[in-house]
Amino acid sequence: MEWLDALILGIVQGLAEYLPISSSGHLEIFRQILGIDLPSDQALQFDLILHAATVCSTLVILWPMFYRLCKSFFTFRRDYDFYYVCKILVSCIPIAIVGFFFKEQVEQFFGNGLFVVGICLLVTAMLLTFAHYSDRFVSASRGRDITWLDAFIIGCAQAVAVLPGLSRSGTTIAAGIILGDRRDRMAQFSFLMVIIPILGEALLGVKDLIAPGTDAAPMAEVGTLPLVIGFVASFVVGCAACRWMIDLVKRGKLIWFAVYCAIMGVICLLWQ
């Protein structure tokens, strides 16, 4: 992979991770456009590096809230912030099950063309449209706080959204809006709930690479320079996109992304 390819993919990841248009789907689209042919395991590892960069973007943009939540949770204050973190942990249960028991099946969907991406983008468009019309008469401040059941259902939505083309942020935010949760808090919850799964997957990837007898060919094939450039580009663009997306969710402007996903989904199917 060339450094320019990594730069483009990093920019795409930084935007698409926060905007409800599917980062994994758009990474697959741009790999096809740029003619990047990586095996599924290498494509997934490179995507993981870019996702780790956007997690860092989340930490930077939401640092005051993140620090407050960590302080409350690790000192067992039993206040609102403590239970908020507990709800985030509950939301991680479904994706943990997928990661431990269905990882190989999920990897098969990466690097295998745009048919699945196109279908999932159309599903994302339908979810965003349904959320928009179910919420059009409700302001961002009139929704309810996220309940324990809401957290688990939103976590199930995140687990399903591991498929390329099914937007993680779009799916989780749409699920919360449909459940009646406040839009402004849903955006923050959606961005915070992905931190644990991504960091957990990244640590497992590092463990596999440094383990004795491990074949490091996938990482060597991608190259160190493209990984660094992709990470930095994804981080910088992700910081700007995170702020933008929180504002968009507050104002209820997700319907335009539904239109975009529908158009891109049709294009992907025709391209395939």
C-alpha atoms as a PDB file:
ATOM      1  CA  MET A   1       0.000   0.000   0.000  1.00  0.00           C
ATOM      2  CA  GLU A   2       1.322   3.467  -0.948  1.00  0.00           C
ATOM      3  CA  TRP A   3       1.425   6.355   1.541  1.00  0.00           C
ATOM      4  CA  LEU A   4      -1.035   8.389  -0.566  1.00  0.00           C
ATOM      5  CA  ASP A   5      -3.542   5.533  -0.441  1.00  0.00           C
ATOM      6  CA  ALA A   6      -3.182   5.410   3.329  1.00  0.00           C
ATOM      7  CA  LEU A   7      -3.690   9.186   3.558  1.00  0.00           C
ATOM      8  CA  ILE A   8      -6.907   9.009   1.552  1.00  0.00           C
ATOM      9  CA  LEU A   9      -8.214   6.074   3.563  1.00  0.00           C
ATOM     10  CA  GLY A  10      -7.318   7.852   6.811  1.00  0.00           C
ATOM     11  CA  ILE A  11      -9.306  10.924   5.767  1.00  0.00           C
ATOM     12  CA  VAL A  12     -12.231   8.729   4.750  1.00  0.00           C
ATOM     13  CA  GLN A  13     -12.158   6.909   8.104  1.00  0.00           C
ATOM     14  CA  GLY A  14     -11.962  10.157  10.070  1.00  0.00           C
ATOM     15  CA  LEU A  15     -15.100  11.472   8.376  1.00  0.00           C
ATOM     16  CA  ALA A  16     -17.101   8.277   8.027  1.00  0.00           C
ATOM     17  CA  GLU A  17     -16.562   7.001  11.592  1.00  0.00           C
ATOM     18  CA  TYR A  18     -18.614   9.866  13.024  1.00  0.00           C
ATOM     19  CA  LEU A  19     -20.917  10.689  10.134  1.00  0.00           C
ATOM     20  CA  PRO A  20     -23.624   8.007   9.769  1.00  0.00           C
ATOM     21  CA  ILE A  21     -22.376   6.712   6.426  1.00  0.00           C
ATOM     22  CA  SER A  22     -20.332   3.635   7.506  1.00  0.00           C
ATOM     23  CA  SER A  23     -16.569   3.912   7.791  1.00  0.00           C
ATOM     24  CA  SER A  24     -15.974   0.230   6.988  1.00  0.00           C
ATOM     25  CA  GLY A  25     -18.216   0.472   3.929  1.00  0.00           C
ATOM     26  CA  HIS A  26     -16.481   3.589   2.613  1.00  0.00           C
ATOM     27  CA  LEU A  27     -13.044   2.131   3.252  1.00  0.00           C
ATOM     28  CA  GLU A  28     -14.080  -0.823   1.093  1.00  0.00           C
ATOM     29  CA  ILE A  29     -15.446   1.532  -1.593  1.00  0.00           C
ATOM     30  CA  PHE A  30     -12.234   3.560  -1.734  1.00  0.00           C
ATOM     31  CA  ARG A  31     -10.112   0.410  -1.767  1.00  0.00           C
ATOM     32  CA  GLN A  32     -11.978  -0.570  -4.918  1.00  0.00           C
ATOM     33  CA  ILE A  33     -11.548   2.899  -6.431  1.00  0.00           C
ATOM     34  CA  LEU A  34      -7.827   3.048  -5.608  1.00  0.00           C
ATOM     35  CA  GLY A  35      -7.249  -0.543  -6.700  1.00  0.00           C
ATOM     36  CA  ILE A  36      -5.979  -1.660  -3.287  1.00  0.00           C
ATOM     37  CA  ASP A  37      -6.224  -5.434  -3.066  1.00  0.00           C
ATOM     38  CA  LEU A  38      -5.631  -6.588   0.500  1.00  0.00           C
ATOM     39  CA  PRO A  39      -6.592  -9.996   1.915  1.00  0.00           C
ATOM     40  CA  SER A  40      -9.467  -9.812   4.382  1.00  0.00           C
ATOM     41  CA  ASP A  41      -7.225 -10.180   7.464  1.00  0.00           C
ATOM     42  CA  GLN A  42      -4.882  -7.388   6.328  1.00  0.00           C
ATOM     43  CA  ALA A  43      -7.794  -5.127   5.410  1.00  0.00           C
ATOM     44  CA  LEU A  44      -9.343  -5.702   8.824  1.00  0.00           C
ATOM     45  CA  GLN A  45      -6.057  -4.980  10.616  1.00  0.00           C
ATOM     46  CA  PHE A  46      -5.548  -1.730   8.698  1.00  0.00           C
ATOM     47  CA  ASP A  47      -9.148  -0.717   9.426  1.00  0.00           C
ATOM     48  CA  LEU A  48      -8.510  -1.441  13.100  1.00  0.00           C
ATOM     49  CA  ILE A  49      -5.540   0.974  13.157  1.00  0.00           C
ATOM     50  CA  LEU A  50      -7.720   3.695  11.622  1.00  0.00           C
ATOM     51  CA  HIS A  51     -10.527   2.972  14.103  1.00  0.00           C
ATOM     52  CA  ALA A  52      -8.046   3.270  16.970  1.00  0.00           C
ATOM     53  CA  ALA A  53      -7.132   6.733  15.642  1.00  0.00           C
ATOM     54  CA  THR A  54     -10.752   7.859  15.724  1.00  0.00           C
ATOM     55  CA  VAL A  55     -11.090   6.509  19.260  1.00  0.00           C
ATOM     56  CA  CYS A  56      -8.251   8.870  20.176  1.00  0.00           C
ATOM     57  CA  SER A  57     -10.204  11.661  18.454  1.00  0.00           C
ATOM     58  CA  THR A  58     -13.198  10.855  20.650  1.00  0.00           C
ATOM     59  CA  LEU A  59     -11.056  11.020  23.778  1.00  0.00           C
ATOM     60  CA  VAL A  60      -9.674  14.421  22.770  1.00  0.00           C
ATOM     61  CA  ILE A  61     -13.038  15.997  21.888  1.00  0.00           C
ATOM     62  CA  LEU A  62     -14.985  14.484  24.796  1.00  0.00           C
ATOM     63  CA  TRP A  63     -12.105  14.568  27.287  1.00  0.00           C
ATOM     64  CA  PRO A  64     -13.869  16.651  29.992  1.00  0.00           C
ATOM     65  CA  MET A  65     -16.808  14.246  29.983  1.00  0.00           C
ATOM     66  CA  PHE A  66     -14.570  11.175  29.684  1.00  0.00           C
ATOM     67  CA  TYR A  67     -12.406  12.295  32.614  1.00  0.00           C
ATOM     68  CA  ARG A  68     -15.466  12.977  34.759  1.00  0.00           C
ATOM     69  CA  LEU A  69     -16.934   9.563  33.956  1.00  0.00           C
ATOM     70  CA  CYS A  70     -13.675   7.740  34.734  1.00  0.00           C
ATOM     71  CA  LYS A  71     -13.223   9.634  37.989  1.00  0.00           C
ATOM     72  CA  SER A  72     -16.742   8.766  39.119  1.00  0.00           C
ATOM     73  CA  PHE A  73     -16.535   5.118  38.043  1.00  0.00           C
ATOM     74  CA  PHE A  74     -13.141   4.261  39.534  1.00  0.00           C
ATOM     75  CA  THR A  75     -13.952   5.977  42.837  1.00  0.00           C
ATOM     76  CA  PHE A  76     -17.322   4.190  43.071  1.00  0.00           C
ATOM     77  CA  ARG A  77     -19.304   7.357  43.659  1.00  0.00           C
ATOM     78  CA  ARG A  78     -22.604   5.700  42.732  1.00  0.00           C
ATOM     79  CA  ASP A  79     -23.808   8.923  41.086  1.00  0.00           C
ATOM     80  CA  TYR A  80     -25.261   9.559  37.605  1.00  0.00           C
ATOM     81  CA  ASP A  81     -21.832   9.345  35.920  1.00  0.00           C
ATOM     82  CA  PHE A  82     -21.041   6.027  37.634  1.00  0.00           C
ATOM     83  CA  TYR A  83     -24.210   4.398  36.314  1.00  0.00           C
ATOM     84  CA  TYR A  84     -23.664   6.013  32.906  1.00  0.00           C
ATOM     85  CA  VAL A  85     -20.376   4.119  32.621  1.00  0.00           C
ATOM     86  CA  CYS A  86     -22.142   0.948  33.767  1.00  0.00           C
ATOM     87  CA  LYS A  87     -24.647   1.397  30.936  1.00  0.00           C
ATOM     88  CA  ILE A  88     -21.754   1.756  28.483  1.00  0.00           C
ATOM     89  CA  LEU A  89     -20.362  -1.544  29.779  1.00  0.00           C
ATOM     90  CA  VAL A  90     -23.774  -3.173  29.305  1.00  0.00           C
ATOM     91  CA  SER A  91     -23.857  -1.888  25.723  1.00  0.00           C
ATOM     92  CA  CYS A  92     -20.518  -3.628  25.059  1.00  0.00           C
ATOM     93  CA  ILE A  93     -21.825  -7.114  25.933  1.00  0.00           C
ATOM     94  CA  PRO A  94     -23.353  -7.921  22.498  1.00  0.00           C
ATOM     95  CA  ILE A  95     -20.292  -6.862  20.498  1.00  0.00           C
ATOM     96  CA  ALA A  96     -18.034  -8.771  22.909  1.00  0.00           C
ATOM     97  CA  ILE A  97     -20.049 -11.919  22.149  1.00  0.00           C
ATOM     98  CA  VAL A  98     -19.689 -11.281  18.409  1.00  0.00           C
ATOM     99  CA  GLY A  99     -15.951 -10.653  18.786  1.00  0.00           C
ATOM    100  CA  PHE A 100     -15.266 -13.805  20.787  1.00  0.00           C
ATOM    101  CA  PHE A 101     -17.502 -16.262  18.942  1.00  0.00           C
ATOM    102  CA  PHE A 102     -18.044 -14.911  15.409  1.00  0.00           C
ATOM    103  CA  LYS A 103     -14.810 -13.082  14.557  1.00  0.00           C
ATOM    104  CA  GLU A 104     -13.869 -15.399  11.678  1.00  0.00           C
ATOM    105  CA  GLN A 105     -17.335 -15.094  10.143  1.00  0.00           C
ATOM    106  CA  VAL A 106     -17.171 -11.290  10.354  1.00  0.00           C
ATOM    107  CA  GLU A 107     -13.715 -11.176   8.727  1.00  0.00           C
ATOM    108  CA  GLN A 108     -15.119 -12.937   5.667  1.00  0.00           C
ATOM    109  CA  PHE A 109     -17.234  -9.867   4.842  1.00  0.00           C
ATOM    110  CA  PHE A 110     -14.156  -7.604   4.508  1.00  0.00           C
ATOM    111  CA  GLY A 111     -12.224  -7.246   1.268  1.00  0.00           C
ATOM    112  CA  ASN A 112     -14.779  -9.217  -0.766  1.00  0.00           C
ATOM    113  CA  GLY A 113     -16.385  -6.631  -3.030  1.00  0.00           C
ATOM    114  CA  LEU A 114     -19.190  -4.116  -2.749  1.00  0.00           C
ATOM    115  CA  PHE A 115     -22.347  -6.233  -2.810  1.00  0.00           C
ATOM    116  CA  VAL A 116     -22.604  -6.537   0.987  1.00  0.00           C
ATOM    117  CA  VAL A 117     -21.564  -2.874   1.346  1.00  0.00           C
ATOM    118  CA  GLY A 118     -24.341  -1.775  -0.998  1.00  0.00           C
ATOM    119  CA  ILE A 119     -27.007  -3.769   0.813  1.00  0.00           C
ATOM    120  CA  CYS A 120     -25.879  -2.531   4.226  1.00  0.00           C
ATOM    121  CA  LEU A 121     -25.759   1.094   3.059  1.00  0.00           C
ATOM    122  CA  LEU A 122     -29.392   0.767   1.970  1.00  0.00           C
ATOM    123  CA  VAL A 123     -30.246  -0.665   5.395  1.00  0.00           C
ATOM    124  CA  THR A 124     -28.451   2.293   7.018  1.00  0.00           C
ATOM    125  CA  ALA A 125     -30.495   4.671   4.875  1.00  0.00           C
ATOM    126  CA  MET A 126     -33.739   3.014   5.986  1.00  0.00           C
ATOM    127  CA  LEU A 127     -32.744   3.168   9.660  1.00  0.00           C
ATOM    128  CA  LEU A 128     -31.844   6.862   9.465  1.00  0.00           C
ATOM    129  CA  THR A 129     -35.070   7.644   7.603  1.00  0.00           C
ATOM    130  CA  PHE A 130     -37.186   5.789  10.138  1.00  0.00           C
ATOM    131  CA  ALA A 131     -35.406   7.528  13.022  1.00  0.00           C
ATOM    132  CA  HIS A 132     -35.916  10.916  11.376  1.00  0.00           C
ATOM    133  CA  TYR A 133     -39.659  10.533  10.902  1.00  0.00           C
ATOM    134  CA  SER A 134     -40.209   8.900  14.278  1.00  0.00           C
ATOM    135  CA  ASP A 135     -38.468  11.824  15.953  1.00  0.00           C
ATOM    136  CA  ARG A 136     -39.452  14.838  13.835  1.00  0.00           C
ATOM    137  CA  PHE A 137     -41.924  16.182  16.385  1.00  0.00           C
ATOM    138  CA  VAL A 138     -39.615  15.697  19.383  1.00  0.00           C
ATOM    139  CA  SER A 139     -36.873  18.203  20.282  1.00  0.00           C
ATOM    140  CA  ALA A 140     -33.435  17.068  21.426  1.00  0.00           C
ATOM    141  CA  SER A 141     -34.215  18.092  25.013  1.00  0.00           C
ATOM    142  CA  ARG A 142     -37.548  16.266  25.326  1.00  0.00           C
ATOM    143  CA  GLY A 143     -36.297  12.708  24.988  1.00  0.00           C
ATOM    144  CA  ARG A 144     -35.623  10.474  27.969  1.00  0.00           C
ATOM    145  CA  ASP A 145     -32.329   9.439  29.496  1.00  0.00           C
ATOM    146  CA  ILE A 146     -30.819   6.166  28.283  1.00  0.00           C
ATOM    147  CA  THR A 147     -32.175   3.264  30.335  1.00  0.00           C
ATOM    148  CA  TRP A 148     -30.465  -0.064  31.069  1.00  0.00           C
ATOM    149  CA  LEU A 149     -32.607  -1.814  28.458  1.00  0.00           C
ATOM    150  CA  ASP A 150     -31.924   0.958  25.954  1.00  0.00           C
ATOM    151  CA  ALA A 151     -28.191   0.502  26.519  1.00  0.00           C
ATOM    152  CA  PHE A 152     -28.397  -3.219  25.775  1.00  0.00           C
ATOM    153  CA  ILE A 153     -30.554  -2.719  22.651  1.00  0.00           C
ATOM    154  CA  ILE A 154     -28.199  -0.016  21.379  1.00  0.00           C
ATOM    155  CA  GLY A 155     -25.342  -2.437  22.076  1.00  0.00           C
ATOM    156  CA  CYS A 156     -27.087  -5.056  19.928  1.00  0.00           C
ATOM    157  CA  ALA A 157     -27.310  -2.449  17.153  1.00  0.00           C
ATOM    158  CA  GLN A 158     -23.570  -1.835  17.486  1.00  0.00           C
ATOM    159  CA  ALA A 159     -22.873  -5.572  17.270  1.00  0.00           C
ATOM    160  CA  VAL A 160     -24.843  -5.878  14.036  1.00  0.00           C
ATOM    161  CA  ALA A 161     -23.070  -2.805  12.638  1.00  0.00           C
ATOM    162  CA  VAL A 162     -19.745  -4.670  12.387  1.00  0.00           C
ATOM    163  CA  LEU A 163     -20.844  -5.507   8.836  1.00  0.00           C
ATOM    164  CA  PRO A 164     -19.178  -3.258   6.222  1.00  0.00           C
ATOM    165  CA  GLY A 165     -21.665  -0.668   4.979  1.00  0.00           C
ATOM    166  CA  LEU A 166     -23.839  -0.688   8.098  1.00  0.00           C
ATOM    167  CA  SER A 167     -22.932   2.550   9.862  1.00  0.00           C
ATOM    168  CA  ARG A 168     -22.048   2.032  13.515  1.00  0.00           C
ATOM    169  CA  SER A 169     -22.779   5.600  14.568  1.00  0.00           C
ATOM    170  CA  GLY A 170     -25.865   5.761  12.344  1.00  0.00           C
ATOM    171  CA  THR A 171     -27.226   2.446  13.602  1.00  0.00           C
ATOM    172  CA  THR A 172     -26.650   3.155  17.300  1.00  0.00           C
ATOM    173  CA  ILE A 173     -27.886   6.758  17.170  1.00  0.00           C
ATOM    174  CA  ALA A 174     -30.935   5.755  15.125  1.00  0.00           C
ATOM    175  CA  ALA A 175     -31.682   2.953  17.604  1.00  0.00           C
ATOM    176  CA  GLY A 176     -31.525   5.390  20.510  1.00  0.00           C
ATOM    177  CA  ILE A 177     -33.720   7.954  18.776  1.00  0.00           C
ATOM    178  CA  ILE A 178     -36.301   5.305  17.886  1.00  0.00           C
ATOM    179  CA  LEU A 179     -36.312   4.197  21.540  1.00  0.00           C
ATOM    180  CA  GLY A 180     -37.057   7.792  22.552  1.00  0.00           C
ATOM    181  CA  ASP A 181     -33.681   8.810  23.981  1.00  0.00           C
ATOM    182  CA  ARG A 182     -32.393  12.367  23.828  1.00  0.00           C
ATOM    183  CA  ARG A 183     -30.561  13.080  20.593  1.00  0.00           C
ATOM    184  CA  ASP A 184     -27.754  15.130  22.120  1.00  0.00           C
ATOM    185  CA  ARG A 185     -26.949  12.468  24.716  1.00  0.00           C
ATOM    186  CA  MET A 186     -27.269   9.668  22.167  1.00  0.00           C
ATOM    187  CA  ALA A 187     -24.463  11.132  20.040  1.00  0.00           C
ATOM    188  CA  GLN A 188     -22.091  11.224  23.014  1.00  0.00           C
ATOM    189  CA  PHE A 189     -23.139   7.761  24.190  1.00  0.00           C
ATOM    190  CA  SER A 190     -22.614   6.350  20.690  1.00  0.00           C
ATOM    191  CA  PHE A 191     -19.099   7.761  20.442  1.00  0.00           C
ATOM    192  CA  LEU A 192     -18.109   6.663  23.956  1.00  0.00           C
ATOM    193  CA  MET A 193     -19.497   3.127  23.738  1.00  0.00           C
ATOM    194  CA  VAL A 194     -17.161   2.191  20.883  1.00  0.00           C
ATOM    195  CA  ILE A 195     -13.994   2.982  22.855  1.00  0.00           C
ATOM    196  CA  ILE A 196     -13.877  -0.281  24.813  1.00  0.00           C
ATOM    197  CA  PRO A 197     -14.467  -2.663  21.839  1.00  0.00           C
ATOM    198  CA  ILE A 198     -11.952  -0.891  19.595  1.00  0.00           C
ATOM    199  CA  LEU A 199      -9.234  -0.687  22.243  1.00  0.00           C
ATOM    200  CA  GLY A 200      -9.894  -4.296  23.240  1.00  0.00           C
ATOM    201  CA  GLU A 201      -9.569  -5.465  19.653  1.00  0.00           C
ATOM    202  CA  ALA A 202      -6.420  -3.362  19.206  1.00  0.00           C
ATOM    203  CA  LEU A 203      -4.797  -4.910  22.291  1.00  0.00           C
ATOM    204  CA  LEU A 204      -5.642  -8.407  21.061  1.00  0.00           C
ATOM    205  CA  GLY A 205      -4.109  -7.544  17.698  1.00  0.00           C
ATOM    206  CA  VAL A 206      -0.903  -6.334  19.330  1.00  0.00           C
ATOM    207  CA  LYS A 207      -0.788  -9.475  21.469  1.00  0.00           C
ATOM    208  CA  ASP A 208      -1.096 -11.669  18.387  1.00  0.00           C
ATOM    209  CA  LEU A 209       1.683  -9.785  16.617  1.00  0.00           C
ATOM    210  CA  ILE A 210       4.209 -10.008  19.451  1.00  0.00           C
ATOM    211  CA  ALA A 211       3.352 -13.568  20.482  1.00  0.00           C
ATOM    212  CA  PRO A 212       6.114 -16.105  19.845  1.00  0.00           C
ATOM    213  CA  GLY A 213       5.748 -17.867  16.542  1.00  0.00           C
ATOM    214  CA  THR A 214       3.191 -15.374  15.236  1.00  0.00           C
ATOM    215  CA  ASP A 215       3.221 -14.669  11.527  1.00  0.00           C
ATOM    216  CA  ALA A 216       3.680 -10.878  11.229  1.00  0.00           C
ATOM    217  CA  ALA A 217       3.241 -10.873   7.444  1.00  0.00           C
ATOM    218  CA  PRO A 218      -0.102  -8.998   7.424  1.00  0.00           C
ATOM    219  CA  MET A 219       1.378  -5.958   9.202  1.00  0.00           C
ATOM    220  CA  ALA A 220       4.573  -6.105   7.178  1.00  0.00           C
ATOM    221  CA  GLU A 221       2.560  -6.277   3.969  1.00  0.00           C
ATOM    222  CA  VAL A 222       0.699  -3.057   4.776  1.00  0.00           C
ATOM    223  CA  GLY A 223       3.888  -1.218   5.802  1.00  0.00           C
ATOM    224  CA  THR A 224       4.811   1.014   8.748  1.00  0.00           C
ATOM    225  CA  LEU A 225       4.689   4.354   6.887  1.00  0.00           C
ATOM    226  CA  PRO A 226       1.155   3.843   5.508  1.00  0.00           C
ATOM    227  CA  LEU A 227      -0.028   2.808   8.972  1.00  0.00           C
ATOM    228  CA  VAL A 228       1.415   5.956  10.575  1.00  0.00           C
ATOM    229  CA  ILE A 229       0.066   8.268   7.870  1.00  0.00           C
ATOM    230  CA  GLY A 230      -3.352   6.624   7.978  1.00  0.00           C
ATOM    231  CA  PHE A 231      -3.471   6.894  11.760  1.00  0.00           C
ATOM    232  CA  VAL A 232      -2.544  10.597  11.833  1.00  0.00           C
ATOM    233  CA  ALA A 233      -4.952  11.524   9.022  1.00  0.00           C
ATOM    234  CA  SER A 234      -7.782   9.608  10.656  1.00  0.00           C
ATOM    235  CA  PHE A 235      -7.101  11.256  14.024  1.00  0.00           C
ATOM    236  CA  VAL A 236      -6.955  14.849  12.735  1.00  0.00           C
ATOM    237  CA  VAL A 237     -10.022  14.582  10.516  1.00  0.00           C
ATOM    238  CA  GLY A 238     -11.864  12.614  13.215  1.00  0.00           C
ATOM    239  CA  CYS A 239     -11.485  15.465  15.720  1.00  0.00           C
ATOM    240  CA  ALA A 240     -13.291  17.854  13.379  1.00  0.00           C
ATOM    241  CA  ALA A 241     -15.932  15.296  12.346  1.00  0.00           C
ATOM    242  CA  CYS A 242     -16.755  14.372  15.956  1.00  0.00           C
ATOM    243  CA  ARG A 243     -17.662  17.973  16.849  1.00  0.00           C
ATOM    244  CA  TRP A 244     -19.638  18.360  13.636  1.00  0.00           C
ATOM    245  CA  MET A 245     -21.634  15.174  14.133  1.00  0.00           C
ATOM    246  CA  ILE A 246     -22.667  16.024  17.713  1.00  0.00           C
ATOM    247  CA  ASP A 247     -24.061  19.326  16.434  1.00  0.00           C
ATOM    248  CA  LEU A 248     -25.851  17.638  13.532  1.00  0.00           C
ATOM    249  CA  VAL A 249     -27.547  15.110  15.808  1.00  0.00           C
ATOM    250  CA  LYS A 250     -28.748  17.890  18.108  1.00  0.00           C
ATOM    251  CA  ARG A 251     -30.338  19.670  15.142  1.00  0.00           C
ATOM    252  CA  GLY A 252     -31.849  16.474  13.721  1.00  0.00           C
ATOM    253  CA  LYS A 253     -30.183  16.696  10.307  1.00  0.00           C
ATOM    254  CA  LEU A 254     -29.642  12.975   9.750  1.00  0.00           C
ATOM    255  CA  ILE A 255     -32.130  12.612   6.887  1.00  0.00           C
ATOM    256  CA  TRP A 256     -29.606  13.968   4.374  1.00  0.00           C
ATOM    257  CA  PHE A 257     -27.219  11.175   5.284  1.00  0.00           C
ATOM    258  CA  ALA A 258     -30.036   8.693   4.646  1.00  0.00           C
ATOM    259  CA  VAL A 259     -30.331  10.081   1.103  1.00  0.00           C
ATOM    260  CA  TYR A 260     -26.563   9.854   0.648  1.00  0.00           C
ATOM    261  CA  CYS A 261     -26.404   6.258   1.914  1.00  0.00           C
ATOM    262  CA  ALA A 262     -29.262   5.247  -0.378  1.00  0.00           C
ATOM    263  CA  ILE A 263     -27.510   6.726  -3.418  1.00  0.00           C
ATOM    264  CA  MET A 264     -24.161   5.153  -2.524  1.00  0.00           C
ATOM    265  CA  GLY A 265     -25.836   1.811  -1.822  1.00  0.00           C
ATOM    266  CA  VAL A 266     -27.374   1.749  -5.311  1.00  0.00           C
ATOM    267  CA  ILE A 267     -24.047   2.782  -6.867  1.00  0.00           C
ATOM    268  CA  CYS A 268     -22.241  -0.022  -5.034  1.00  0.00           C
ATOM    269  CA  LEU A 269     -24.737  -2.619  -6.263  1.00  0.00           C
ATOM    270  CA  LEU A 270     -24.471  -1.353  -9.843  1.00  0.00           C
ATOM    271  CA  TRP A 271     -20.661  -1.258  -9.607  1.00  0.00           C
ATOM    272  CA  GLN A 272     -20.559  -4.808  -8.295  1.00  0.00           C
END
